[in-house]
């Protein structure tokens, strides 16, 4: 009974904060936070990042859009209704087609529904270090004409062990080389912000279907891109699926190499070349 009362009290506080976050409903949001939610595994854990965002203390009006997906047509999760009551915008879509293990299409309905041109993207298992600093920084970048902004992504909930530390070192080293040496934007699904109309034009035009290509494609189409390495702007993503061990590290390296190899050139590559010329 005490636990149930505590849960209700916590949800009431969260609802109050979300109402304050959204502000006057007669005015459009100044930024739209889009989070895909896999109904089979993320419905409870997403409340952590929602609570982080609700802790925002800046001056801007924000909306949070959850794209809840991956559930039977005839059995929508109860959380769809419950989270709407909290003040969240919910898109319930039983099945969203995607390919090659890339879930970028699950963000598109949320982007289409966004009230703001400033769309900010996280995953359901992320945590924010300083929500006010991060969200204000993102909004400031849009005010200066940026099409893509992103910050450093770290990990939380990692298992102990040297193999995990090696994996993290190689992961962050490879991303640093791509971003700094090769000048390839390394935005990833768990943390970036894009201009709504710009990204929808790319997606609808057939130029973009993989999340891993968001940064490079926006660069190809001469979008303005910025990165922040400030610790205040860090986002943490969960290492909950890591088990540790050298076998997992080797399997990860093999998977990562294969992942890059099986990303076939987009059918619209010739269009991209024409655009550059």
Protein backbone atom coordinates (compact mmCIF):
# COMPACT_ATOMS: atom_id res chain seq x y z
CA UNK A 1 0.00 0.00 0.00
CA UNK A 2 2.82 2.39 0.92
CA UNK A 3 4.64 1.61 -2.32
CA UNK A 4 1.48 2.26 -4.34
CA UNK A 5 1.00 5.62 -2.63
CA UNK A 6 4.64 6.51 -3.31
CA UNK A 7 4.23 5.65 -7.00
CA UNK A 8 1.09 7.77 -7.30
CA UNK A 9 2.81 10.68 -5.59
CA UNK A 10 5.82 10.38 -7.89
CA UNK A 11 3.60 10.36 -10.97
CA UNK A 12 1.65 13.37 -9.71
CA UNK A 13 4.89 15.31 -9.30
CA UNK A 14 6.00 14.27 -12.78
CA UNK A 15 2.66 15.35 -14.26
CA UNK A 16 2.98 18.75 -12.61
CA UNK A 17 6.47 19.22 -14.00
CA UNK A 18 5.41 18.16 -17.50
CA UNK A 19 2.54 20.65 -17.47
CA UNK A 20 4.98 23.39 -16.48
CA UNK A 21 7.42 22.22 -19.16
CA UNK A 22 4.82 22.50 -21.92
CA UNK A 23 3.48 25.87 -20.75
CA UNK A 24 0.60 27.64 -22.46
CA UNK A 25 -1.22 25.15 -24.72
CA UNK A 26 -2.35 28.00 -26.95
CA UNK A 27 1.26 28.57 -28.00
CA UNK A 28 3.41 26.28 -30.12
CA UNK A 29 6.29 24.48 -28.45
CA UNK A 30 9.72 25.97 -29.04
CA UNK A 31 11.28 22.52 -29.25
CA UNK A 32 9.91 19.00 -29.69
CA UNK A 33 11.65 16.07 -27.99
CA UNK A 34 11.03 12.81 -29.88
CA UNK A 35 11.61 9.43 -28.22
CA UNK A 36 10.81 6.07 -29.87
CA UNK A 37 9.54 3.53 -27.33
CA UNK A 38 9.63 -0.20 -27.99
CA UNK A 39 6.52 -1.47 -26.19
CA UNK A 40 8.17 -4.81 -25.48
CA UNK A 41 11.01 -3.42 -23.39
CA UNK A 42 10.96 0.37 -22.91
CA UNK A 43 7.56 1.32 -21.48
CA UNK A 44 8.78 1.50 -17.88
CA UNK A 45 12.38 2.60 -18.41
CA UNK A 46 11.37 5.61 -20.55
CA UNK A 47 10.06 7.30 -17.41
CA UNK A 48 13.67 7.91 -16.33
CA UNK A 49 14.55 10.15 -19.25
CA UNK A 50 11.11 11.78 -19.11
CA UNK A 51 11.87 12.69 -15.50
CA UNK A 52 15.26 14.06 -16.58
CA UNK A 53 13.66 16.25 -19.25
CA UNK A 54 10.93 17.36 -16.83
CA UNK A 55 13.71 18.66 -14.55
CA UNK A 56 14.44 21.35 -17.18
CA UNK A 57 14.52 24.84 -15.65
CA UNK A 58 15.03 27.00 -18.73
CA UNK A 59 12.72 29.53 -20.33
CA UNK A 60 11.56 27.55 -23.37
CA UNK A 61 8.30 25.65 -23.93
CA UNK A 62 8.96 21.99 -24.70
CA UNK A 63 6.77 19.11 -25.79
CA UNK A 64 7.70 15.44 -25.44
CA UNK A 65 6.49 13.05 -28.14
CA UNK A 66 6.67 9.30 -27.51
CA UNK A 67 6.38 7.05 -30.57
CA UNK A 68 5.20 3.85 -28.90
CA UNK A 69 5.51 0.91 -31.28
CA UNK A 70 5.98 -2.84 -31.57
CA UNK A 71 2.79 -4.20 -30.00
CA UNK A 72 -0.22 -6.24 -31.26
CA UNK A 73 -2.86 -4.30 -33.19
CA UNK A 74 -5.62 -5.55 -30.91
CA UNK A 75 -3.75 -5.10 -27.63
CA UNK A 76 -2.31 -1.60 -27.19
CA UNK A 77 -0.37 -1.12 -23.94
CA UNK A 78 -2.15 0.63 -21.07
CA UNK A 79 0.70 3.11 -20.91
CA UNK A 80 -0.54 4.84 -24.07
CA UNK A 81 -3.52 6.21 -22.17
CA UNK A 82 -1.66 6.64 -18.87
CA UNK A 83 1.17 8.66 -20.42
CA UNK A 84 -1.26 10.92 -22.26
CA UNK A 85 -2.82 11.75 -18.89
CA UNK A 86 0.66 12.78 -17.70
CA UNK A 87 0.77 15.43 -20.43
CA UNK A 88 2.90 13.62 -23.00
CA UNK A 89 2.04 13.50 -26.70
CA UNK A 90 1.69 9.85 -27.61
CA UNK A 91 1.72 8.27 -31.06
CA UNK A 92 0.67 4.63 -30.80
CA UNK A 93 1.78 2.71 -33.89
CA UNK A 94 1.72 -1.11 -33.58
CA UNK A 95 4.24 -1.76 -36.35
CA UNK A 96 6.77 0.51 -38.04
CA UNK A 97 8.71 -1.02 -40.89
CA UNK A 98 12.48 -0.73 -40.73
CA UNK A 99 15.36 -2.68 -42.19
CA UNK A 100 18.90 -3.80 -41.42
CA UNK A 101 18.48 -3.27 -37.68
CA UNK A 102 18.25 0.51 -38.12
CA UNK A 103 15.33 2.14 -36.32
CA UNK A 104 15.47 5.61 -37.89
CA UNK A 105 11.95 5.22 -39.42
CA UNK A 106 10.49 5.00 -35.89
CA UNK A 107 11.44 8.66 -35.37
CA UNK A 108 9.74 9.92 -38.52
CA UNK A 109 6.11 9.90 -37.23
CA UNK A 110 7.26 11.90 -34.20
CA UNK A 111 9.08 14.40 -36.40
CA UNK A 112 5.99 14.81 -38.59
CA UNK A 113 3.83 15.42 -35.53
CA UNK A 114 6.23 17.94 -33.97
CA UNK A 115 4.96 21.48 -33.46
CA UNK A 116 8.47 22.92 -33.66
CA UNK A 117 11.16 23.00 -36.33
CA UNK A 118 13.59 22.19 -33.53
CA UNK A 119 13.34 18.42 -33.02
CA UNK A 120 15.54 16.84 -30.36
CA UNK A 121 16.08 13.08 -30.32
CA UNK A 122 16.89 10.67 -27.51
CA UNK A 123 16.38 6.96 -26.91
CA UNK A 124 14.17 5.50 -24.20
CA UNK A 125 17.13 4.25 -22.14
CA UNK A 126 19.10 7.52 -22.08
CA UNK A 127 19.92 9.78 -19.12
CA UNK A 128 20.70 13.51 -19.21
CA UNK A 129 23.53 14.98 -17.10
CA UNK A 130 22.24 18.56 -17.14
CA UNK A 131 18.85 18.85 -18.92
CA UNK A 132 18.69 22.64 -18.76
CA UNK A 133 22.18 23.18 -20.18
CA UNK A 134 21.72 20.58 -22.93
CA UNK A 135 18.23 21.56 -24.10
CA UNK A 136 19.01 25.28 -24.02
CA UNK A 137 22.18 24.63 -26.06
CA UNK A 138 20.21 22.70 -28.67
CA UNK A 139 17.58 25.41 -28.97
CA UNK A 140 20.27 28.10 -29.23
CA UNK A 141 21.81 26.22 -32.17
CA UNK A 142 18.53 26.24 -34.08
CA UNK A 143 18.22 29.96 -33.42
CA UNK A 144 21.58 30.39 -35.17
CA UNK A 145 20.47 28.48 -38.29
CA UNK A 146 21.85 25.00 -37.60
CA UNK A 147 20.34 21.93 -39.30
CA UNK A 148 22.07 19.29 -37.13
CA UNK A 149 23.51 19.54 -33.62
CA UNK A 150 24.85 16.76 -31.43
CA UNK A 151 26.93 16.15 -28.30
CA UNK A 152 29.00 13.43 -26.70
CA UNK A 153 27.29 10.14 -25.79
CA UNK A 154 28.67 8.07 -22.92
CA UNK A 155 27.43 4.93 -21.20
CA UNK A 156 25.88 4.06 -17.86
CA UNK A 157 24.99 0.70 -16.26
CA UNK A 158 28.07 -0.96 -17.73
CA UNK A 159 29.24 -4.30 -16.31
CA UNK A 160 32.74 -4.39 -14.77
CA UNK A 161 35.72 -5.90 -16.54
CA UNK A 162 38.70 -5.04 -18.74
CA UNK A 163 37.00 -6.25 -21.94
CA UNK A 164 34.21 -3.70 -21.45
CA UNK A 165 36.75 -0.92 -20.86
CA UNK A 166 38.57 -1.94 -24.05
CA UNK A 167 35.32 -1.94 -25.98
CA UNK A 168 34.44 1.56 -24.74
CA UNK A 169 37.94 2.84 -25.55
CA UNK A 170 37.78 1.49 -29.11
CA UNK A 171 34.24 2.81 -29.54
CA UNK A 172 35.05 6.36 -28.47
CA UNK A 173 38.40 6.36 -30.30
CA UNK A 174 36.77 5.35 -33.58
CA UNK A 175 34.15 8.06 -33.20
CA UNK A 176 36.80 10.68 -32.42
CA UNK A 177 38.78 9.68 -35.53
CA UNK A 178 35.68 9.90 -37.70
CA UNK A 179 34.61 13.26 -36.31
CA UNK A 180 37.98 15.04 -35.93
CA UNK A 181 40.32 13.40 -38.44
CA UNK A 182 37.92 12.34 -41.20
CA UNK A 183 35.42 15.18 -40.63
CA UNK A 184 32.48 12.77 -40.64
CA UNK A 185 29.58 13.81 -38.36
CA UNK A 186 29.01 11.08 -35.77
CA UNK A 187 25.53 11.91 -34.53
CA UNK A 188 23.74 8.85 -33.23
CA UNK A 189 20.15 7.97 -32.42
CA UNK A 190 20.42 8.37 -28.69
CA UNK A 191 21.31 12.07 -28.87
CA UNK A 192 21.02 14.64 -31.66
CA UNK A 193 18.81 17.47 -32.86
CA UNK A 194 17.69 18.20 -36.42
CA UNK A 195 15.64 20.80 -38.23
CA UNK A 196 12.23 19.26 -38.88
CA UNK A 197 11.64 20.36 -42.48
CA UNK A 198 15.24 19.63 -43.52
CA UNK A 199 15.23 16.02 -42.27
CA UNK A 200 11.75 15.31 -43.64
CA UNK A 201 12.77 16.57 -47.08
CA UNK A 202 15.72 14.18 -47.05
CA UNK A 203 13.63 11.24 -45.86
CA UNK A 204 10.67 11.86 -48.18
CA UNK A 205 13.04 12.44 -51.09
CA UNK A 206 14.59 8.98 -50.60
CA UNK A 207 17.97 10.40 -49.62
CA UNK A 208 18.00 9.12 -46.05
CA UNK A 209 16.79 5.90 -44.46
CA UNK A 210 19.54 4.93 -42.01
CA UNK A 211 20.22 6.68 -38.73
CA UNK A 212 23.95 6.19 -39.14
CA UNK A 213 23.77 8.33 -42.30
CA UNK A 214 21.96 11.30 -40.75
CA UNK A 215 25.16 13.29 -40.19
CA UNK A 216 26.93 12.47 -43.47
CA UNK A 217 23.78 13.06 -45.53
CA UNK A 218 23.04 16.43 -43.93
CA UNK A 219 26.67 17.39 -44.57
CA UNK A 220 26.35 16.29 -48.21
CA UNK A 221 23.33 18.54 -48.60
CA UNK A 222 25.32 21.42 -47.11
CA UNK A 223 23.42 21.61 -43.84
CA UNK A 224 25.07 23.52 -41.01
CA UNK A 225 26.35 21.09 -38.35
CA UNK A 226 27.70 21.76 -34.84
CA UNK A 227 29.07 19.55 -32.07
CA UNK A 228 29.58 20.18 -28.37
CA UNK A 229 32.04 18.24 -26.24
CA UNK A 230 31.04 20.03 -23.04
CA UNK A 231 30.54 17.66 -20.11
CA UNK A 232 27.34 19.54 -19.25
CA UNK A 233 25.94 18.46 -22.60
CA UNK A 234 26.79 14.76 -22.23
CA UNK A 235 24.06 12.17 -22.68
CA UNK A 236 24.38 8.68 -21.24
CA UNK A 237 22.92 5.63 -22.91
CA UNK A 238 22.40 2.33 -21.14
CA UNK A 239 24.86 -0.52 -21.37
CA UNK A 240 22.18 -2.83 -19.98
CA UNK A 241 22.57 -5.33 -22.80
CA UNK A 242 26.32 -5.76 -22.33
CA UNK A 243 27.40 -8.92 -20.52
CA UNK A 244 31.15 -8.37 -20.66
CA UNK A 245 33.86 -10.82 -21.65
CA UNK A 246 36.26 -11.07 -24.57
CA UNK A 247 33.85 -13.10 -26.70
CA UNK A 248 31.32 -10.29 -26.55
CA UNK A 249 34.01 -7.81 -27.56
CA UNK A 250 35.02 -9.92 -30.56
CA UNK A 251 31.39 -10.44 -31.55
CA UNK A 252 30.85 -6.67 -31.30
CA UNK A 253 33.81 -5.92 -33.57
CA UNK A 254 32.62 -8.45 -36.14
CA UNK A 255 29.09 -7.04 -35.97
CA UNK A 256 30.31 -3.45 -36.28
CA UNK A 257 32.40 -4.25 -39.37
CA UNK A 258 29.46 -6.11 -40.91
CA UNK A 259 27.07 -3.29 -40.04
CA UNK A 260 29.05 -0.79 -42.06
CA UNK A 261 29.48 -3.23 -44.92
CA UNK A 262 25.80 -4.13 -45.27
CA UNK A 263 24.70 -0.52 -45.50
CA UNK A 264 24.13 -0.52 -49.24
CA UNK A 265 24.50 2.75 -51.13
CA UNK A 266 21.20 4.62 -51.24
CA UNK A 267 19.27 4.50 -54.48
CA UNK A 268 19.42 8.28 -54.55
CA UNK A 269 23.23 8.48 -54.44
CA UNK A 270 23.23 9.83 -57.99
CA UNK A 271 20.86 12.56 -56.85
CA UNK A 272 23.27 13.45 -54.08
CA UNK A 273 26.13 13.66 -56.57
CA UNK A 274 24.04 15.92 -58.79
CA UNK A 275 23.29 18.14 -55.81
CA UNK A 276 27.00 18.47 -54.94
CA UNK A 277 27.94 19.39 -58.46
